[in-house]
PDB file of N, CA and C in Angstrom:
ATOM      1  N   MET A   1       1.596   1.790  24.743  1.00  0.00           N
ATOM      2  CA  MET A   1       2.316   2.585  23.776  1.00  0.00           C
ATOM      3  C   MET A   1       1.959   2.140  22.356  1.00  0.00           C
ATOM      4  N   PHE A   2       1.834   0.851  22.161  1.00  0.00           N
ATOM      5  CA  PHE A   2       1.495   0.349  20.837  1.00  0.00           C
ATOM      6  C   PHE A   2       0.118   0.825  20.415  1.00  0.00           C
ATOM      7  N   GLN A   3      -0.826   0.886  21.358  1.00  0.00           N
ATOM      8  CA  GLN A   3      -2.181   1.315  21.036  1.00  0.00           C
ATOM      9  C   GLN A   3      -2.204   2.771  20.590  1.00  0.00           C
ATOM     10  N   ASN A   4      -1.417   3.650  21.227  1.00  0.00           N
ATOM     11  CA  ASN A   4      -1.388   5.054  20.830  1.00  0.00           C
ATOM     12  C   ASN A   4      -0.833   5.211  19.422  1.00  0.00           C
ATOM     13  N   ASN A   5       0.193   4.432  19.079  1.00  0.00           N
ATOM     14  CA  ASN A   5       0.759   4.501  17.743  1.00  0.00           C
ATOM     15  C   ASN A   5      -0.249   4.031  16.704  1.00  0.00           C
ATOM     16  N   LEU A   6      -0.983   2.986  17.028  1.00  0.00           N
ATOM     17  CA  LEU A   6      -1.973   2.453  16.104  1.00  0.00           C
ATOM     18  C   LEU A   6      -3.119   3.439  15.905  1.00  0.00           C
ATOM     19  N   SER A   7      -3.575   4.081  16.975  1.00  0.00           N
ATOM     20  CA  SER A   7      -4.658   5.055  16.818  1.00  0.00           C
ATOM     21  C   SER A   7      -4.161   6.285  16.060  1.00  0.00           C
ATOM     22  N   GLY A   8      -2.921   6.665  16.232  1.00  0.00           N
ATOM     23  CA  GLY A   8      -2.361   7.769  15.455  1.00  0.00           C
ATOM     24  C   GLY A   8      -2.329   7.451  13.972  1.00  0.00           C
ATOM     25  N   GLN A   9      -2.006   6.223  13.651  1.00  0.00           N
ATOM     26  CA  GLN A   9      -2.007   5.803  12.252  1.00  0.00           C
ATOM     27  C   GLN A   9      -3.436   5.794  11.695  1.00  0.00           C
ATOM     28  N   ARG A  10      -4.389   5.407  12.520  1.00  0.00           N
ATOM     29  CA  ARG A  10      -5.789   5.418  12.073  1.00  0.00           C
ATOM     30  C   ARG A  10      -6.274   6.843  11.843  1.00  0.00           C
ATOM     31  N   PHE A  11      -5.880   7.773  12.725  1.00  0.00           N
ATOM     32  CA  PHE A  11      -6.253   9.174  12.521  1.00  0.00           C
ATOM     33  C   PHE A  11      -5.641   9.711  11.236  1.00  0.00           C
ATOM     34  N   ALA A  12      -4.411   9.345  10.959  1.00  0.00           N
ATOM     35  CA  ALA A  12      -3.765   9.780   9.718  1.00  0.00           C
ATOM     36  C   ALA A  12      -4.473   9.190   8.499  1.00  0.00           C
ATOM     37  N   ALA A  13      -4.903   7.947   8.591  1.00  0.00           N
ATOM     38  CA  ALA A  13      -5.631   7.325   7.476  1.00  0.00           C
ATOM     39  C   ALA A  13      -6.984   7.999   7.256  1.00  0.00           C
ATOM     40  N   ILE A  14      -7.669   8.372   8.336  1.00  0.00           N
ATOM     41  CA  ILE A  14      -8.953   9.062   8.196  1.00  0.00           C
ATOM     42  C   ILE A  14      -8.736  10.450   7.601  1.00  0.00           C
ATOM     43  N   PHE A  15      -7.661  11.125   8.006  1.00  0.00           N
ATOM     44  CA  PHE A  15      -7.346  12.427   7.411  1.00  0.00           C
ATOM     45  C   PHE A  15      -7.121  12.286   5.907  1.00  0.00           C
ATOM     46  N   THR A  16      -6.375  11.267   5.512  1.00  0.00           N
ATOM     47  CA  THR A  16      -6.114  11.044   4.092  1.00  0.00           C
ATOM     48  C   THR A  16      -7.405  10.726   3.344  1.00  0.00           C
ATOM     49  N   LEU A  17      -8.261   9.915   3.939  1.00  0.00           N
ATOM     50  CA  LEU A  17      -9.552   9.613   3.324  1.00  0.00           C
ATOM     51  C   LEU A  17     -10.382  10.879   3.150  1.00  0.00           C
ATOM     52  N   GLY A  18     -10.421  11.712   4.179  1.00  0.00           N
ATOM     53  CA  GLY A  18     -11.166  12.959   4.088  1.00  0.00           C
ATOM     54  C   GLY A  18     -10.597  13.892   3.039  1.00  0.00           C
ATOM     55  N   TRP A  19      -9.291  13.932   2.934  1.00  0.00           N
ATOM     56  CA  TRP A  19      -8.638  14.776   1.932  1.00  0.00           C
ATOM     57  C   TRP A  19      -9.001  14.299   0.526  1.00  0.00           C
ATOM     58  N   ILE A  20      -9.034  13.000   0.337  1.00  0.00           N
ATOM     59  CA  ILE A  20      -9.391  12.450  -0.973  1.00  0.00           C
ATOM     60  C   ILE A  20     -10.868  12.699  -1.276  1.00  0.00           C
ATOM     61  N   LEU A  21     -11.740  12.474  -0.286  1.00  0.00           N
ATOM     62  CA  LEU A  21     -13.176  12.646  -0.510  1.00  0.00           C
ATOM     63  C   LEU A  21     -13.564  14.095  -0.789  1.00  0.00           C
ATOM     64  N   LEU A  22     -12.837  15.035  -0.212  1.00  0.00           N
ATOM     65  CA  LEU A  22     -13.202  16.438  -0.348  1.00  0.00           C
ATOM     66  C   LEU A  22     -12.285  17.184  -1.310  1.00  0.00           C
ATOM     67  N   ASN A  23     -11.597  16.484  -2.169  1.00  0.00           N
ATOM     68  CA  ASN A  23     -10.702  17.099  -3.138  1.00  0.00           C
ATOM     69  C   ASN A  23     -11.389  17.193  -4.504  1.00  0.00           C
ATOM     70  N   TYR A  24     -10.767  17.927  -5.410  1.00  0.00           N
ATOM     71  CA  TYR A  24     -11.376  18.287  -6.682  1.00  0.00           C
ATOM     72  C   TYR A  24     -11.901  17.117  -7.526  1.00  0.00           C
ATOM     73  N   PRO A  25     -11.161  16.081  -7.822  1.00  0.00           N
ATOM     74  CA  PRO A  25     -11.702  15.096  -8.778  1.00  0.00           C
ATOM     75  C   PRO A  25     -13.032  14.480  -8.340  1.00  0.00           C
ATOM     76  N   LEU A  26     -13.170  14.148  -7.085  1.00  0.00           N
ATOM     77  CA  LEU A  26     -14.442  13.563  -6.641  1.00  0.00           C
ATOM     78  C   LEU A  26     -15.540  14.609  -6.539  1.00  0.00           C
ATOM     79  N   LEU A  27     -15.200  15.817  -6.132  1.00  0.00           N
ATOM     80  CA  LEU A  27     -16.211  16.862  -6.078  1.00  0.00           C
ATOM     81  C   LEU A  27     -16.750  17.179  -7.464  1.00  0.00           C
ATOM     82  N   ALA A  28     -15.901  17.100  -8.480  1.00  0.00           N
ATOM     83  CA  ALA A  28     -16.339  17.377  -9.842  1.00  0.00           C
ATOM     84  C   ALA A  28     -17.332  16.320 -10.335  1.00  0.00           C
ATOM     85  N   LEU A  29     -17.225  15.104  -9.831  1.00  0.00           N
ATOM     86  CA  LEU A  29     -18.177  14.061 -10.227  1.00  0.00           C
ATOM     87  C   LEU A  29     -19.596  14.375  -9.761  1.00  0.00           C
ATOM     88  N   PHE A  30     -19.709  15.041  -8.617  1.00  0.00           N
ATOM     89  CA  PHE A  30     -21.022  15.307  -8.036  1.00  0.00           C
ATOM     90  C   PHE A  30     -21.516  16.718  -8.332  1.00  0.00           C
ATOM     91  N   ASN A  31     -20.762  17.504  -9.077  1.00  0.00           N
ATOM     92  CA  ASN A  31     -21.171  18.857  -9.431  1.00  0.00           C
ATOM     93  C   ASN A  31     -22.131  18.789 -10.611  1.00  0.00           C
ATOM     94  N   ASP A  32     -23.391  18.537 -10.293  1.00  0.00           N
ATOM     95  CA  ASP A  32     -24.424  18.338 -11.304  1.00  0.00           C
ATOM     96  C   ASP A  32     -25.661  19.138 -10.898  1.00  0.00           C
ATOM     97  N   ALA A  33     -26.489  19.455 -11.842  1.00  0.00           N
ATOM     98  CA  ALA A  33     -27.685  20.251 -11.558  1.00  0.00           C
ATOM     99  C   ALA A  33     -28.832  19.400 -11.009  1.00  0.00           C
ATOM    100  N   SER A  34     -28.685  18.088 -11.003  1.00  0.00           N
ATOM    101  CA  SER A  34     -29.767  17.224 -10.525  1.00  0.00           C
ATOM    102  C   SER A  34     -29.865  17.251  -9.000  1.00  0.00           C
ATOM    103  N   THR A  35     -30.992  16.778  -8.484  1.00  0.00           N
ATOM    104  CA  THR A  35     -31.226  16.771  -7.043  1.00  0.00           C
ATOM    105  C   THR A  35     -31.534  15.362  -6.568  1.00  0.00           C
ATOM    106  N   TRP A  36     -31.408  15.178  -5.283  1.00  0.00           N
ATOM    107  CA  TRP A  36     -31.710  13.916  -4.626  1.00  0.00           C
ATOM    108  C   TRP A  36     -32.626  14.254  -3.456  1.00  0.00           C
ATOM    109  N   PHE A  37     -33.892  13.913  -3.566  1.00  0.00           N
ATOM    110  CA  PHE A  37     -34.917  14.287  -2.589  1.00  0.00           C
ATOM    111  C   PHE A  37     -34.959  15.802  -2.386  1.00  0.00           C
ATOM    112  N   GLY A  38     -34.773  16.552  -3.454  1.00  0.00           N
ATOM    113  CA  GLY A  38     -34.827  17.998  -3.392  1.00  0.00           C
ATOM    114  C   GLY A  38     -33.538  18.680  -2.969  1.00  0.00           C
ATOM    115  N   ILE A  39     -32.504  17.913  -2.665  1.00  0.00           N
ATOM    116  CA  ILE A  39     -31.206  18.455  -2.242  1.00  0.00           C
ATOM    117  C   ILE A  39     -30.233  18.300  -3.404  1.00  0.00           C
ATOM    118  N   PRO A  40     -29.509  19.344  -3.755  1.00  0.00           N
ATOM    119  CA  PRO A  40     -28.513  19.198  -4.829  1.00  0.00           C
ATOM    120  C   PRO A  40     -27.510  18.084  -4.505  1.00  0.00           C
ATOM    121  N   ILE A  41     -27.128  17.341  -5.522  1.00  0.00           N
ATOM    122  CA  ILE A  41     -26.249  16.177  -5.349  1.00  0.00           C
ATOM    123  C   ILE A  41     -24.934  16.563  -4.661  1.00  0.00           C
ATOM    124  N   LEU A  42     -24.353  17.678  -5.041  1.00  0.00           N
ATOM    125  CA  LEU A  42     -23.083  18.103  -4.452  1.00  0.00           C
ATOM    126  C   LEU A  42     -23.228  18.346  -2.953  1.00  0.00           C
ATOM    127  N   TYR A  43     -24.312  19.002  -2.540  1.00  0.00           N
ATOM    128  CA  TYR A  43     -24.525  19.265  -1.117  1.00  0.00           C
ATOM    129  C   TYR A  43     -24.747  17.969  -0.342  1.00  0.00           C
ATOM    130  N   ALA A  44     -25.506  17.054  -0.925  1.00  0.00           N
ATOM    131  CA  ALA A  44     -25.736  15.765  -0.266  1.00  0.00           C
ATOM    132  C   ALA A  44     -24.424  14.997  -0.114  1.00  0.00           C
ATOM    133  N   TYR A  45     -23.602  14.999  -1.166  1.00  0.00           N
ATOM    134  CA  TYR A  45     -22.321  14.309  -1.095  1.00  0.00           C
ATOM    135  C   TYR A  45     -21.423  14.915  -0.024  1.00  0.00           C
ATOM    136  N   LEU A  46     -21.358  16.243   0.007  1.00  0.00           N
ATOM    137  CA  LEU A  46     -20.508  16.910   1.008  1.00  0.00           C
ATOM    138  C   LEU A  46     -20.970  16.581   2.424  1.00  0.00           C
ATOM    139  N   PHE A  47     -22.272  16.603   2.665  1.00  0.00           N
ATOM    140  CA  PHE A  47     -22.780  16.293   3.998  1.00  0.00           C
ATOM    141  C   PHE A  47     -22.515  14.843   4.372  1.00  0.00           C
ATOM    142  N   ILE A  48     -22.727  13.924   3.452  1.00  0.00           N
ATOM    143  CA  ILE A  48     -22.506  12.504   3.747  1.00  0.00           C
ATOM    144  C   ILE A  48     -21.023  12.223   3.985  1.00  0.00           C
ATOM    145  N   ALA A  49     -20.143  12.788   3.170  1.00  0.00           N
ATOM    146  CA  ALA A  49     -18.701  12.591   3.362  1.00  0.00           C
ATOM    147  C   ALA A  49     -18.253  13.186   4.693  1.00  0.00           C
ATOM    148  N   TRP A  50     -18.761  14.382   5.023  1.00  0.00           N
ATOM    149  CA  TRP A  50     -18.421  15.040   6.281  1.00  0.00           C
ATOM    150  C   TRP A  50     -18.891  14.195   7.474  1.00  0.00           C
ATOM    151  N   ALA A  51     -20.120  13.696   7.412  1.00  0.00           N
ATOM    152  CA  ALA A  51     -20.655  12.870   8.498  1.00  0.00           C
ATOM    153  C   ALA A  51     -19.871  11.562   8.633  1.00  0.00           C
ATOM    154  N   LEU A  52     -19.466  10.977   7.527  1.00  0.00           N
ATOM    155  CA  LEU A  52     -18.664   9.749   7.563  1.00  0.00           C
ATOM    156  C   LEU A  52     -17.322   9.991   8.238  1.00  0.00           C
ATOM    157  N   ILE A  53     -16.661  11.081   7.896  1.00  0.00           N
ATOM    158  CA  ILE A  53     -15.364  11.400   8.491  1.00  0.00           C
ATOM    159  C   ILE A  53     -15.508  11.620   9.993  1.00  0.00           C
ATOM    160  N   ILE A  54     -16.510  12.372  10.402  1.00  0.00           N
ATOM    161  CA  ILE A  54     -16.714  12.628  11.835  1.00  0.00           C
ATOM    162  C   ILE A  54     -17.073  11.343  12.565  1.00  0.00           C
ATOM    163  N   GLY A  55     -17.880  10.502  11.968  1.00  0.00           N
ATOM    164  CA  GLY A  55     -18.216   9.230  12.593  1.00  0.00           C
ATOM    165  C   GLY A  55     -17.002   8.329  12.771  1.00  0.00           C
ATOM    166  N   LEU A  56     -16.156   8.266  11.754  1.00  0.00           N
ATOM    167  CA  LEU A  56     -14.933   7.460  11.868  1.00  0.00           C
ATOM    168  C   LEU A  56     -13.985   8.025  12.924  1.00  0.00           C
ATOM    169  N   LEU A  57     -13.852   9.346  12.967  1.00  0.00           N
ATOM    170  CA  LEU A  57     -13.003   9.967  13.988  1.00  0.00           C
ATOM    171  C   LEU A  57     -13.531   9.680  15.389  1.00  0.00           C
ATOM    172  N   ALA A  58     -14.831   9.761  15.578  1.00  0.00           N
ATOM    173  CA  ALA A  58     -15.422   9.476  16.886  1.00  0.00           C
ATOM    174  C   ALA A  58     -15.212   8.016  17.273  1.00  0.00           C
ATOM    175  N   TYR A  59     -15.354   7.120  16.316  1.00  0.00           N
ATOM    176  CA  TYR A  59     -15.156   5.700  16.598  1.00  0.00           C
ATOM    177  C   TYR A  59     -13.718   5.412  17.028  1.00  0.00           C
ATOM    178  N   VAL A  60     -12.759   5.958  16.291  1.00  0.00           N
ATOM    179  CA  VAL A  60     -11.348   5.714  16.625  1.00  0.00           C
ATOM    180  C   VAL A  60     -10.993   6.372  17.952  1.00  0.00           C
ATOM    181  N   ALA A  61     -11.498   7.578  18.202  1.00  0.00           N
ATOM    182  CA  ALA A  61     -11.204   8.259  19.461  1.00  0.00           C
ATOM    183  C   ALA A  61     -11.807   7.506  20.644  1.00  0.00           C
ATOM    184  N   GLU A  62     -13.018   7.019  20.495  1.00  0.00           N
ATOM    185  CA  GLU A  62     -13.648   6.271  21.584  1.00  0.00           C
ATOM    186  C   GLU A  62     -12.948   4.939  21.814  1.00  0.00           C
ATOM    187  N   LYS A  63     -12.550   4.294  20.752  1.00  0.00           N
ATOM    188  CA  LYS A  63     -11.867   3.006  20.889  1.00  0.00           C
ATOM    189  C   LYS A  63     -10.500   3.176  21.537  1.00  0.00           C
ATOM    190  N   SER A  64      -9.804   4.265  21.234  1.00  0.00           N
ATOM    191  CA  SER A  64      -8.470   4.467  21.801  1.00  0.00           C
ATOM    192  C   SER A  64      -8.525   4.985  23.229  1.00  0.00           C
ATOM    193  N   SER A  65      -9.698   5.466  23.691  1.00  0.00           N
ATOM    194  CA  SER A  65      -9.795   5.962  25.062  1.00  0.00           C
ATOM    195  C   SER A  65      -9.957   4.821  26.075  1.00  0.00           C
ATOM    196  N   HIS A  66     -10.262   3.621  25.615  1.00  0.00           N
ATOM    197  CA  HIS A  66     -10.396   2.455  26.480  1.00  0.00           C
ATOM    198  C   HIS A  66      -9.432   1.363  26.021  1.00  0.00           C
ATOM    199  N   PRO A  67      -8.147   1.486  26.315  1.00  0.00           N
ATOM    200  CA  PRO A  67      -7.190   0.493  25.809  1.00  0.00           C
ATOM    201  C   PRO A  67      -7.380  -0.888  26.424  1.00  0.00           C
ATOM    202  N   ASP A  68      -7.968  -0.974  27.636  1.00  0.00           N
ATOM    203  CA  ASP A  68      -8.179  -2.288  28.241  1.00  0.00           C
ATOM    204  C   ASP A  68      -9.195  -3.097  27.449  1.00  0.00           C
ATOM    205  N   ILE A  69     -10.241  -2.448  26.978  1.00  0.00           N
ATOM    206  CA  ILE A  69     -11.253  -3.146  26.190  1.00  0.00           C
ATOM    207  C   ILE A  69     -10.664  -3.581  24.858  1.00  0.00           C
ATOM    208  N   CYS A  70      -9.854  -2.733  24.254  1.00  0.00           N
ATOM    209  CA  CYS A  70      -9.260  -3.061  22.960  1.00  0.00           C
ATOM    210  C   CYS A  70      -8.284  -4.214  23.085  1.00  0.00           C
ATOM    211  N   ALA A  71      -7.532  -4.244  24.185  1.00  0.00           N
ATOM    212  CA  ALA A  71      -6.496  -5.260  24.328  1.00  0.00           C
ATOM    213  C   ALA A  71      -7.087  -6.615  24.705  1.00  0.00           C
ATOM    214  N   THR A  72      -8.039  -6.631  25.647  1.00  0.00           N
ATOM    215  CA  THR A  72      -8.529  -7.912  26.131  1.00  0.00           C
ATOM    216  C   THR A  72      -9.896  -8.270  25.578  1.00  0.00           C
ATOM    217  N   GLY A  73     -10.676  -7.274  25.204  1.00  0.00           N
ATOM    218  CA  GLY A  73     -12.020  -7.539  24.731  1.00  0.00           C
ATOM    219  C   GLY A  73     -12.980  -7.811  25.860  1.00  0.00           C
ATOM    220  N   ASP A  74     -12.556  -7.597  27.103  1.00  0.00           N
ATOM    221  CA  ASP A  74     -13.374  -7.887  28.270  1.00  0.00           C
ATOM    222  C   ASP A  74     -13.771  -6.578  28.948  1.00  0.00           C
ATOM    223  N   THR A  75     -15.055  -6.277  28.983  1.00  0.00           N
ATOM    224  CA  THR A  75     -15.512  -5.039  29.620  1.00  0.00           C
ATOM    225  C   THR A  75     -15.518  -5.165  31.126  1.00  0.00           C
ATOM    226  N   ALA A  76     -15.560  -6.378  31.665  1.00  0.00           N
ATOM    227  CA  ALA A  76     -15.569  -6.552  33.111  1.00  0.00           C
ATOM    228  C   ALA A  76     -14.266  -6.076  33.733  1.00  0.00           C
ATOM    229  N   THR A  77     -13.170  -6.163  33.005  1.00  0.00           N
ATOM    230  CA  THR A  77     -11.886  -5.710  33.511  1.00  0.00           C
ATOM    231  C   THR A  77     -11.916  -4.201  33.732  1.00  0.00           C
ATOM    232  N   LEU A  78     -12.479  -3.466  32.801  1.00  0.00           N
ATOM    233  CA  LEU A  78     -12.557  -2.024  32.906  1.00  0.00           C
ATOM    234  C   LEU A  78     -13.514  -1.627  34.033  1.00  0.00           C
ATOM    235  N   ILE A  79     -14.624  -2.317  34.180  1.00  0.00           N
ATOM    236  CA  ILE A  79     -15.599  -1.995  35.224  1.00  0.00           C
ATOM    237  C   ILE A  79     -15.022  -2.296  36.589  1.00  0.00           C
ATOM    238  N   ALA A  80     -14.264  -3.378  36.720  1.00  0.00           N
ATOM    239  CA  ALA A  80     -13.682  -3.760  37.995  1.00  0.00           C
ATOM    240  C   ALA A  80     -12.630  -2.758  38.447  1.00  0.00           C
ATOM    241  N   LYS A  81     -11.938  -2.095  37.514  1.00  0.00           N
ATOM    242  CA  LYS A  81     -10.908  -1.128  37.874  1.00  0.00           C
ATOM    243  C   LYS A  81     -11.502   0.168  38.392  1.00  0.00           C
ATOM    244  N   ASP A  82     -12.750   0.472  38.020  1.00  0.00           N
ATOM    245  CA  ASP A  82     -13.390   1.712  38.488  1.00  0.00           C
ATOM    246  C   ASP A  82     -13.777   1.538  39.905  1.00  0.00           C
TER     247      ASP A  82
END
């Protein structure tokens, strides 16, 4: 039960991070006519922020799907139960 509450808090923190990264003040910083390897800075920032959010969500979801590994740190326990 404690693990589910902790992963819920992590999902909420990632949502807040994504909301901050994709909100007006930071987007205005990258709204420039310059390019980075031929890609407009704003598009590169949006893609990198989006990929970061999805990567963090995948990490937290994968970590919360195996509570035995998170609690004990031992993968043999999980393999032995299968």
